[in-house]
Amino acid sequence: MTLASVVQGAGAAVNAAGNVANQALNSVADLVGGRIPAFIRCFEPPNIGFVPFDFNPDQIDFSRSASISTRPAMTATAPSPQGGTGAIVKKVNPPQISLSNIIIEGLTTKLRCDQLLRWMSPFSGIPGLGALTGSTTESVLPTVTFQWGPPMVAFMYDVRILNLKVSYVRFNQMGMPTRAKVNITMNEVPSLLASLPTNPTSGGLIGRRTHIVTDGDTLQSIATATYGKPGLWRRIAAVNGITNPSRLRPGTTVYLPNADELAQGGR
C-alpha cells in the first residue's frame, strides 16, 4: 500500500464522518422545524432560568484585547532594539461576545427580558448573612451559559452579561409587549468546557491536560516531568494512540491521562 493510497483513504474516511455528522444535525433541525434555537440558561441557584430566542442573532461578534510591553536593553550602549526583549504579555482580557438583533416574541416576551435583566444583578450570597458573619465576600455577576447548536462545532460558552439593551417594539391591545429586539454583550468566563480540546475521542475527558512536544522531549521525559514516574509513558502512548514513540515530533499535542486512566492502566 502506497503513501498516496493511505492519504486518500484517510481523506475519504474524514469526508464520510463529516457527512454522518451533517446528517445528524439536519435530523435535529428537522425535529424542531428546520431551526435550532439559541438560548441563555442558568441552572445554579438562585439564578435559575432559561431564555430561548424566537429568532436567532443576526450577527455574533467575538473580540479580545491584550496588553503588552517591552524591556529595554540591559546596557545603555546597546543599540535599540537590539538587546531588548520582544513583546511581553502583561494582561489578556477574556473574549467578549456580542449578540445583535435577537428577537423575542409572544406573551412571555417581558418575562424573558426580565430574566435577562435579573442576570445582570450581582449576587453575594444569602441576604443579610454577610452582616451576621462578618463576611466581606464581594458581589459578582452570575455565570450563565450561551448556547446555539451543538457544543464544539457551534457555540457554547459560560459568560457574564455586561451590557443589555431591550427594545419593546410591539404590543397587544392590553398594553402587553409581544415583541422585543435585544442586543447583548457578554464576557466569556474561563471554564473546563471552554478549555477542552475539540477532538472528543482523544482529548475531551475531564482531568486531562495537554503538553506541546518540544525538541528533545520523549514520552519518558514527559511522564517523569508530569507524574514523577518514567514508566507511565506507556499510558500516555495508549491514550494518544502512539505506536512508535521514537517518532514523537516537536509541535505535537500530547494528551496526558487523568488519575482514573492511570489507575485503570496500572502505575
C-alpha atoms as a PDB file:
ATOM      1  CA  MET A   1       0.000   0.000   0.000  1.00  0.00           C
ATOM      2  CA  THR A   2       1.465   3.336  -1.052  1.00  0.00           C
ATOM      3  CA  LEU A   3       1.507   6.537   0.997  1.00  0.00           C
ATOM      4  CA  ALA A   4      -0.786   8.194  -1.549  1.00  0.00           C
ATOM      5  CA  SER A   5      -3.408   5.463  -1.147  1.00  0.00           C
ATOM      6  CA  VAL A   6      -3.210   5.742   2.640  1.00  0.00           C
ATOM      7  CA  VAL A   7      -3.731   9.515   2.470  1.00  0.00           C
ATOM      8  CA  GLN A   8      -6.587   9.079   0.014  1.00  0.00           C
ATOM      9  CA  GLY A   9      -8.250   6.517   2.262  1.00  0.00           C
ATOM     10  CA  ALA A  10      -7.879   8.760   5.299  1.00  0.00           C
ATOM     11  CA  GLY A  11      -9.417  11.660   3.376  1.00  0.00           C
ATOM     12  CA  ALA A  12     -12.366   9.507   2.350  1.00  0.00           C
ATOM     13  CA  ALA A  13     -12.895   8.451   5.978  1.00  0.00           C
ATOM     14  CA  VAL A  14     -12.873  12.080   7.143  1.00  0.00           C
ATOM     15  CA  ASN A  15     -15.384  13.048   4.457  1.00  0.00           C
ATOM     16  CA  ALA A  16     -17.629  10.122   5.415  1.00  0.00           C
ATOM     17  CA  ALA A  17     -17.525  11.143   9.089  1.00  0.00           C
ATOM     18  CA  GLY A  18     -18.365  14.719   8.131  1.00  0.00           C
ATOM     19  CA  ASN A  19     -21.346  13.540   6.082  1.00  0.00           C
ATOM     20  CA  VAL A  20     -22.641  11.480   9.008  1.00  0.00           C
ATOM     21  CA  ALA A  21     -22.328  14.498  11.319  1.00  0.00           C
ATOM     22  CA  ASN A  22     -24.153  16.741   8.855  1.00  0.00           C
ATOM     23  CA  GLN A  23     -26.959  14.203   8.502  1.00  0.00           C
ATOM     24  CA  ALA A  24     -27.337  14.041  12.283  1.00  0.00           C
ATOM     25  CA  LEU A  25     -27.513  17.844  12.559  1.00  0.00           C
ATOM     26  CA  ASN A  26     -30.053  18.011   9.752  1.00  0.00           C
ATOM     27  CA  SER A  27     -32.184  15.413  11.530  1.00  0.00           C
ATOM     28  CA  VAL A  28     -32.165  17.522  14.698  1.00  0.00           C
ATOM     29  CA  ALA A  29     -33.099  20.586  12.684  1.00  0.00           C
ATOM     30  CA  ASP A  30     -35.998  18.722  11.083  1.00  0.00           C
ATOM     31  CA  LEU A  31     -37.363  17.805  14.505  1.00  0.00           C
ATOM     32  CA  VAL A  32     -37.586  21.465  15.511  1.00  0.00           C
ATOM     33  CA  GLY A  33     -38.973  22.708  12.236  1.00  0.00           C
ATOM     34  CA  GLY A  34     -35.688  23.349  10.479  1.00  0.00           C
ATOM     35  CA  ARG A  35     -34.386  25.781  13.106  1.00  0.00           C
ATOM     36  CA  ILE A  36     -32.229  25.177  16.153  1.00  0.00           C
ATOM     37  CA  PRO A  37     -32.943  27.994  18.634  1.00  0.00           C
ATOM     38  CA  ALA A  38     -30.243  29.845  20.526  1.00  0.00           C
ATOM     39  CA  PHE A  39     -30.739  30.347  24.263  1.00  0.00           C
ATOM     40  CA  ILE A  40     -29.190  31.505  27.517  1.00  0.00           C
ATOM     41  CA  ARG A  41     -29.613  29.392  30.624  1.00  0.00           C
ATOM     42  CA  CYS A  42     -28.501  29.080  34.226  1.00  0.00           C
ATOM     43  CA  PHE A  43     -29.119  26.043  36.434  1.00  0.00           C
ATOM     44  CA  GLU A  44     -27.375  27.336  39.576  1.00  0.00           C
ATOM     45  CA  PRO A  45     -29.492  28.722  42.456  1.00  0.00           C
ATOM     46  CA  PRO A  46     -30.614  31.419  42.980  1.00  0.00           C
ATOM     47  CA  ASN A  47     -30.157  32.428  39.328  1.00  0.00           C
ATOM     48  CA  ILE A  48     -32.008  29.518  37.709  1.00  0.00           C
ATOM     49  CA  GLY A  49     -33.622  30.472  34.426  1.00  0.00           C
ATOM     50  CA  PHE A  50     -33.964  29.649  30.755  1.00  0.00           C
ATOM     51  CA  VAL A  51     -34.417  32.197  27.952  1.00  0.00           C
ATOM     52  CA  PRO A  52     -34.848  30.837  24.398  1.00  0.00           C
ATOM     53  CA  PHE A  53     -34.783  33.188  21.414  1.00  0.00           C
ATOM     54  CA  ASP A  54     -37.596  33.120  18.862  1.00  0.00           C
ATOM     55  CA  PHE A  55     -35.288  34.473  16.140  1.00  0.00           C
ATOM     56  CA  ASN A  56     -31.580  33.743  16.362  1.00  0.00           C
ATOM     57  CA  PRO A  57     -28.955  36.535  16.335  1.00  0.00           C
ATOM     58  CA  ASP A  58     -28.318  38.267  13.018  1.00  0.00           C
ATOM     59  CA  GLN A  59     -24.662  38.553  13.931  1.00  0.00           C
ATOM     60  CA  ILE A  60     -22.239  37.245  16.572  1.00  0.00           C
ATOM     61  CA  ASP A  61     -19.050  39.237  17.166  1.00  0.00           C
ATOM     62  CA  PHE A  62     -16.008  37.972  19.075  1.00  0.00           C
ATOM     63  CA  SER A  63     -13.302  40.364  20.241  1.00  0.00           C
ATOM     64  CA  ARG A  64     -10.303  40.102  22.558  1.00  0.00           C
ATOM     65  CA  SER A  65      -7.596  42.502  23.650  1.00  0.00           C
ATOM     66  CA  ALA A  66      -4.170  42.123  25.222  1.00  0.00           C
ATOM     67  CA  SER A  67      -1.734  44.496  26.927  1.00  0.00           C
ATOM     68  CA  ILE A  68       1.939  44.038  26.091  1.00  0.00           C
ATOM     69  CA  SER A  69       5.206  45.747  26.982  1.00  0.00           C
ATOM     70  CA  THR A  70       8.877  45.525  26.059  1.00  0.00           C
ATOM     71  CA  ARG A  71      12.004  45.712  28.172  1.00  0.00           C
ATOM     72  CA  PRO A  72      14.842  47.977  27.081  1.00  0.00           C
ATOM     73  CA  ALA A  73      18.387  46.783  26.544  1.00  0.00           C
ATOM     74  CA  MET A  74      20.330  45.879  29.676  1.00  0.00           C
ATOM     75  CA  THR A  75      23.124  48.334  28.841  1.00  0.00           C
ATOM     76  CA  ALA A  76      22.868  51.934  27.724  1.00  0.00           C
ATOM     77  CA  THR A  77      25.399  51.338  24.934  1.00  0.00           C
ATOM     78  CA  ALA A  78      23.414  48.556  23.313  1.00  0.00           C
ATOM     79  CA  PRO A  79      21.716  49.841  20.161  1.00  0.00           C
ATOM     80  CA  SER A  80      17.944  49.712  20.254  1.00  0.00           C
ATOM     81  CA  PRO A  81      16.057  47.490  19.673  1.00  0.00           C
ATOM     82  CA  GLN A  82      18.951  45.031  19.871  1.00  0.00           C
ATOM     83  CA  GLY A  83      19.449  43.679  23.362  1.00  0.00           C
ATOM     84  CA  GLY A  84      15.849  44.318  24.344  1.00  0.00           C
ATOM     85  CA  THR A  85      13.060  41.799  24.571  1.00  0.00           C
ATOM     86  CA  GLY A  86      10.153  41.137  22.305  1.00  0.00           C
ATOM     87  CA  ALA A  87       6.561  41.725  23.274  1.00  0.00           C
ATOM     88  CA  ILE A  88       5.865  40.650  26.872  1.00  0.00           C
ATOM     89  CA  VAL A  89       2.249  39.920  27.688  1.00  0.00           C
ATOM     90  CA  LYS A  90       1.039  41.907  30.701  1.00  0.00           C
ATOM     91  CA  LYS A  91      -2.647  41.059  30.566  1.00  0.00           C
ATOM     92  CA  VAL A  92      -5.014  39.229  28.236  1.00  0.00           C
ATOM     93  CA  ASN A  93      -8.659  40.126  28.686  1.00  0.00           C
ATOM     94  CA  PRO A  94     -11.301  37.405  28.331  1.00  0.00           C
ATOM     95  CA  PRO A  95     -13.052  37.179  24.958  1.00  0.00           C
ATOM     96  CA  GLN A  96     -16.057  39.456  24.556  1.00  0.00           C
ATOM     97  CA  ILE A  97     -19.102  38.119  22.720  1.00  0.00           C
ATOM     98  CA  SER A  98     -21.767  40.389  21.243  1.00  0.00           C
ATOM     99  CA  LEU A  99     -25.160  39.172  20.024  1.00  0.00           C
ATOM    100  CA  SER A 100     -27.015  41.525  17.681  1.00  0.00           C
ATOM    101  CA  ASN A 101     -30.727  41.772  16.863  1.00  0.00           C
ATOM    102  CA  ILE A 102     -32.118  38.879  18.878  1.00  0.00           C
ATOM    103  CA  ILE A 103     -35.917  38.706  18.579  1.00  0.00           C
ATOM    104  CA  ILE A 104     -38.145  37.577  21.441  1.00  0.00           C
ATOM    105  CA  GLU A 105     -41.883  37.495  20.849  1.00  0.00           C
ATOM    106  CA  GLY A 106     -45.142  36.211  22.304  1.00  0.00           C
ATOM    107  CA  LEU A 107     -46.905  36.662  25.621  1.00  0.00           C
ATOM    108  CA  THR A 108     -43.744  35.636  27.513  1.00  0.00           C
ATOM    109  CA  THR A 109     -41.674  38.423  25.937  1.00  0.00           C
ATOM    110  CA  LYS A 110     -41.422  40.574  29.065  1.00  0.00           C
ATOM    111  CA  LEU A 111     -40.865  37.593  31.359  1.00  0.00           C
ATOM    112  CA  ARG A 112     -37.849  36.502  29.328  1.00  0.00           C
ATOM    113  CA  CYS A 113     -36.442  40.021  29.060  1.00  0.00           C
ATOM    114  CA  ASP A 114     -36.855  40.486  32.812  1.00  0.00           C
ATOM    115  CA  GLN A 115     -34.871  37.280  33.358  1.00  0.00           C
ATOM    116  CA  LEU A 116     -32.032  38.643  31.231  1.00  0.00           C
ATOM    117  CA  LEU A 117     -32.067  41.812  33.341  1.00  0.00           C
ATOM    118  CA  ARG A 118     -32.001  39.784  36.569  1.00  0.00           C
ATOM    119  CA  TRP A 119     -28.850  38.023  35.391  1.00  0.00           C
ATOM    120  CA  MET A 120     -27.161  41.422  35.497  1.00  0.00           C
ATOM    121  CA  SER A 121     -27.849  41.748  39.235  1.00  0.00           C
ATOM    122  CA  PRO A 122     -24.821  40.940  41.434  1.00  0.00           C
ATOM    123  CA  PHE A 123     -25.230  38.154  43.976  1.00  0.00           C
ATOM    124  CA  SER A 124     -23.126  37.800  47.117  1.00  0.00           C
ATOM    125  CA  GLY A 125     -24.983  35.071  48.997  1.00  0.00           C
ATOM    126  CA  ILE A 126     -27.998  34.926  51.307  1.00  0.00           C
ATOM    127  CA  PRO A 127     -29.234  38.473  52.056  1.00  0.00           C
ATOM    128  CA  GLY A 128     -28.064  39.615  55.476  1.00  0.00           C
ATOM    129  CA  LEU A 129     -25.760  36.666  56.004  1.00  0.00           C
ATOM    130  CA  GLY A 130     -22.633  38.747  55.401  1.00  0.00           C
ATOM    131  CA  ALA A 131     -23.562  41.208  58.136  1.00  0.00           C
ATOM    132  CA  LEU A 132     -24.135  38.393  60.631  1.00  0.00           C
ATOM    133  CA  THR A 133     -20.944  36.509  59.853  1.00  0.00           C
ATOM    134  CA  GLY A 134     -18.696  39.466  59.140  1.00  0.00           C
ATOM    135  CA  SER A 135     -18.017  38.157  55.648  1.00  0.00           C
ATOM    136  CA  THR A 136     -16.532  40.578  53.134  1.00  0.00           C
ATOM    137  CA  THR A 137     -17.280  38.480  50.067  1.00  0.00           C
ATOM    138  CA  GLU A 138     -17.589  40.683  47.012  1.00  0.00           C
ATOM    139  CA  SER A 139     -20.709  40.626  44.901  1.00  0.00           C
ATOM    140  CA  VAL A 140     -20.306  39.025  41.491  1.00  0.00           C
ATOM    141  CA  LEU A 141     -22.454  38.768  38.404  1.00  0.00           C
ATOM    142  CA  PRO A 142     -23.902  35.279  37.934  1.00  0.00           C
ATOM    143  CA  THR A 143     -22.389  32.978  35.348  1.00  0.00           C
ATOM    144  CA  VAL A 144     -24.803  31.874  32.633  1.00  0.00           C
ATOM    145  CA  THR A 145     -24.378  29.732  29.526  1.00  0.00           C
ATOM    146  CA  PHE A 146     -24.989  30.885  25.977  1.00  0.00           C
ATOM    147  CA  GLN A 147     -25.591  28.048  23.527  1.00  0.00           C
ATOM    148  CA  TRP A 148     -26.557  27.814  19.904  1.00  0.00           C
ATOM    149  CA  GLY A 149     -26.169  24.489  18.174  1.00  0.00           C
ATOM    150  CA  PRO A 150     -24.026  21.534  19.261  1.00  0.00           C
ATOM    151  CA  PRO A 151     -21.032  22.211  21.540  1.00  0.00           C
ATOM    152  CA  MET A 152     -17.554  22.468  19.969  1.00  0.00           C
ATOM    153  CA  VAL A 153     -18.832  22.700  16.381  1.00  0.00           C
ATOM    154  CA  ALA A 154     -21.117  25.645  17.150  1.00  0.00           C
ATOM    155  CA  PHE A 155     -21.444  27.942  20.207  1.00  0.00           C
ATOM    156  CA  MET A 156     -21.397  27.047  23.903  1.00  0.00           C
ATOM    157  CA  TYR A 157     -19.798  29.478  26.355  1.00  0.00           C
ATOM    158  CA  ASP A 158     -20.032  30.269  30.046  1.00  0.00           C
ATOM    159  CA  VAL A 159     -20.429  34.045  30.201  1.00  0.00           C
ATOM    160  CA  ARG A 160     -21.388  37.040  32.308  1.00  0.00           C
ATOM    161  CA  ILE A 161     -23.747  39.583  30.776  1.00  0.00           C
ATOM    162  CA  LEU A 162     -22.083  43.010  30.760  1.00  0.00           C
ATOM    163  CA  ASN A 163     -24.434  45.067  28.626  1.00  0.00           C
ATOM    164  CA  LEU A 164     -28.055  44.532  27.683  1.00  0.00           C
ATOM    165  CA  LYS A 165     -30.379  46.621  25.556  1.00  0.00           C
ATOM    166  CA  VAL A 166     -34.042  45.665  25.258  1.00  0.00           C
ATOM    167  CA  SER A 167     -36.321  47.499  22.838  1.00  0.00           C
ATOM    168  CA  TYR A 168     -40.026  46.599  23.041  1.00  0.00           C
ATOM    169  CA  VAL A 169     -41.329  47.101  19.518  1.00  0.00           C
ATOM    170  CA  ARG A 170     -44.802  45.519  19.513  1.00  0.00           C
ATOM    171  CA  PHE A 171     -47.707  45.450  21.997  1.00  0.00           C
ATOM    172  CA  ASN A 172     -51.175  43.927  22.144  1.00  0.00           C
ATOM    173  CA  GLN A 173     -54.398  45.798  22.908  1.00  0.00           C
ATOM    174  CA  MET A 174     -53.906  45.286  26.637  1.00  0.00           C
ATOM    175  CA  GLY A 175     -50.522  47.003  26.583  1.00  0.00           C
ATOM    176  CA  MET A 176     -48.543  43.784  26.992  1.00  0.00           C
ATOM    177  CA  PRO A 177     -45.301  43.681  24.998  1.00  0.00           C
ATOM    178  CA  THR A 178     -45.387  40.881  22.431  1.00  0.00           C
ATOM    179  CA  ARG A 179     -42.141  41.522  20.596  1.00  0.00           C
ATOM    180  CA  ALA A 180     -38.705  42.770  21.691  1.00  0.00           C
ATOM    181  CA  LYS A 181     -35.382  43.343  19.979  1.00  0.00           C
ATOM    182  CA  VAL A 182     -32.401  42.533  22.208  1.00  0.00           C
ATOM    183  CA  ASN A 183     -28.664  43.232  21.958  1.00  0.00           C
ATOM    184  CA  ILE A 184     -26.335  41.551  24.461  1.00  0.00           C
ATOM    185  CA  THR A 185     -22.636  41.959  25.241  1.00  0.00           C
ATOM    186  CA  MET A 186     -21.009  39.226  27.340  1.00  0.00           C
ATOM    187  CA  ASN A 187     -17.577  38.330  28.692  1.00  0.00           C
ATOM    188  CA  GLU A 188     -16.532  34.697  28.479  1.00  0.00           C
ATOM    189  CA  VAL A 189     -15.812  33.060  31.833  1.00  0.00           C
ATOM    190  CA  PRO A 190     -12.877  30.612  31.758  1.00  0.00           C
ATOM    191  CA  SER A 191     -14.224  27.108  32.293  1.00  0.00           C
ATOM    192  CA  LEU A 192     -13.296  23.479  31.795  1.00  0.00           C
ATOM    193  CA  LEU A 193     -15.778  23.186  28.922  1.00  0.00           C
ATOM    194  CA  ALA A 194     -14.183  26.097  27.086  1.00  0.00           C
ATOM    195  CA  SER A 195     -10.647  24.698  27.511  1.00  0.00           C
ATOM    196  CA  LEU A 196     -11.383  21.146  26.353  1.00  0.00           C
ATOM    197  CA  PRO A 197      -9.851  20.210  23.004  1.00  0.00           C
ATOM    198  CA  THR A 198     -12.168  19.788  20.035  1.00  0.00           C
ATOM    199  CA  ASN A 199     -11.383  16.105  19.459  1.00  0.00           C
ATOM    200  CA  PRO A 200     -13.631  14.239  21.926  1.00  0.00           C
ATOM    201  CA  THR A 201     -12.150  10.844  21.069  1.00  0.00           C
ATOM    202  CA  SER A 202      -8.680  11.767  22.227  1.00  0.00           C
ATOM    203  CA  GLY A 203      -8.771  14.805  24.445  1.00  0.00           C
ATOM    204  CA  GLY A 204     -12.265  15.594  25.665  1.00  0.00           C
ATOM    205  CA  LEU A 205     -12.090  13.926  29.057  1.00  0.00           C
ATOM    206  CA  ILE A 206     -12.293  15.838  32.313  1.00  0.00           C
ATOM    207  CA  GLY A 207      -8.996  15.981  34.164  1.00  0.00           C
ATOM    208  CA  ARG A 208      -6.786  15.584  31.131  1.00  0.00           C
ATOM    209  CA  ARG A 209      -4.092  18.128  30.379  1.00  0.00           C
ATOM    210  CA  THR A 210      -2.075  18.740  27.261  1.00  0.00           C
ATOM    211  CA  HIS A 211       1.624  19.021  26.533  1.00  0.00           C
ATOM    212  CA  ILE A 212       3.180  20.536  23.419  1.00  0.00           C
ATOM    213  CA  VAL A 213       6.193  18.438  22.438  1.00  0.00           C
ATOM    214  CA  THR A 214       9.460  20.384  22.192  1.00  0.00           C
ATOM    215  CA  ASP A 215      12.795  19.381  20.725  1.00  0.00           C
ATOM    216  CA  GLY A 216      14.391  16.676  22.881  1.00  0.00           C
ATOM    217  CA  ASP A 217      11.125  15.537  24.519  1.00  0.00           C
ATOM    218  CA  THR A 218      10.413  11.832  24.862  1.00  0.00           C
ATOM    219  CA  LEU A 219       7.403  10.070  26.325  1.00  0.00           C
ATOM    220  CA  GLN A 220       9.615   9.003  29.231  1.00  0.00           C
ATOM    221  CA  SER A 221      10.726  12.572  29.955  1.00  0.00           C
ATOM    222  CA  ILE A 222       7.127  13.825  29.721  1.00  0.00           C
ATOM    223  CA  ALA A 223       5.954  11.091  32.114  1.00  0.00           C
ATOM    224  CA  THR A 224       8.752  11.921  34.548  1.00  0.00           C
ATOM    225  CA  ALA A 225       8.036  15.660  34.479  1.00  0.00           C
ATOM    226  CA  THR A 226       4.265  15.171  34.830  1.00  0.00           C
ATOM    227  CA  TYR A 227       3.900  12.185  37.151  1.00  0.00           C
ATOM    228  CA  GLY A 228       7.420  11.589  38.510  1.00  0.00           C
ATOM    229  CA  LYS A 229       7.407   8.071  37.049  1.00  0.00           C
ATOM    230  CA  PRO A 230       9.025   7.451  33.647  1.00  0.00           C
ATOM    231  CA  GLY A 231       7.307   4.061  33.391  1.00  0.00           C
ATOM    232  CA  LEU A 232       3.951   5.777  32.839  1.00  0.00           C
ATOM    233  CA  TRP A 233       4.976   6.676  29.291  1.00  0.00           C
ATOM    234  CA  ARG A 234       3.046   3.606  28.125  1.00  0.00           C
ATOM    235  CA  ARG A 235      -0.238   5.094  29.404  1.00  0.00           C
ATOM    236  CA  ILE A 236       0.495   8.344  27.569  1.00  0.00           C
ATOM    237  CA  ALA A 237       1.204   6.374  24.419  1.00  0.00           C
ATOM    238  CA  ALA A 238      -2.020   4.374  24.790  1.00  0.00           C
ATOM    239  CA  VAL A 239      -4.185   7.476  25.330  1.00  0.00           C
ATOM    240  CA  ASN A 240      -2.731   9.174  22.257  1.00  0.00           C
ATOM    241  CA  GLY A 241      -2.596   6.096  20.046  1.00  0.00           C
ATOM    242  CA  ILE A 242       1.170   6.387  19.667  1.00  0.00           C
ATOM    243  CA  THR A 243       2.615   3.143  18.297  1.00  0.00           C
ATOM    244  CA  ASN A 244       6.132   4.405  17.603  1.00  0.00           C
ATOM    245  CA  PRO A 245       7.431   6.612  20.457  1.00  0.00           C
ATOM    246  CA  SER A 246      10.642   7.344  18.559  1.00  0.00           C
ATOM    247  CA  ARG A 247       8.651   9.387  16.030  1.00  0.00           C
ATOM    248  CA  LEU A 248       7.432  11.978  18.525  1.00  0.00           C
ATOM    249  CA  ARG A 249       7.694  15.235  16.592  1.00  0.00           C
ATOM    250  CA  PRO A 250       8.138  18.743  18.083  1.00  0.00           C
ATOM    251  CA  GLY A 251       4.912  20.735  17.976  1.00  0.00           C
ATOM    252  CA  THR A 252       2.687  17.688  18.511  1.00  0.00           C
ATOM    253  CA  THR A 253      -0.034  17.992  21.161  1.00  0.00           C
ATOM    254  CA  VAL A 254       0.081  15.092  23.620  1.00  0.00           C
ATOM    255  CA  TYR A 255      -2.876  14.433  25.915  1.00  0.00           C
ATOM    256  CA  LEU A 256      -1.914  13.481  29.473  1.00  0.00           C
ATOM    257  CA  PRO A 257      -4.075  10.818  31.177  1.00  0.00           C
ATOM    258  CA  ASN A 258      -6.111  11.769  34.234  1.00  0.00           C
ATOM    259  CA  ALA A 259      -5.869   9.960  37.569  1.00  0.00           C
ATOM    260  CA  ASP A 260      -8.619   7.458  36.747  1.00  0.00           C
ATOM    261  CA  GLU A 261      -6.969   6.488  33.473  1.00  0.00           C
ATOM    262  CA  LEU A 262      -3.656   5.978  35.233  1.00  0.00           C
ATOM    263  CA  ALA A 263      -5.317   3.758  37.832  1.00  0.00           C
ATOM    264  CA  GLN A 264      -7.036   1.689  35.153  1.00  0.00           C
ATOM    265  CA  GLY A 265      -3.768   1.179  33.297  1.00  0.00           C
ATOM    266  CA  GLY A 266      -1.720   0.455  36.348  1.00  0.00           C
ATOM    267  CA  ARG A 267       1.124   2.514  37.807  1.00  0.00           C
END
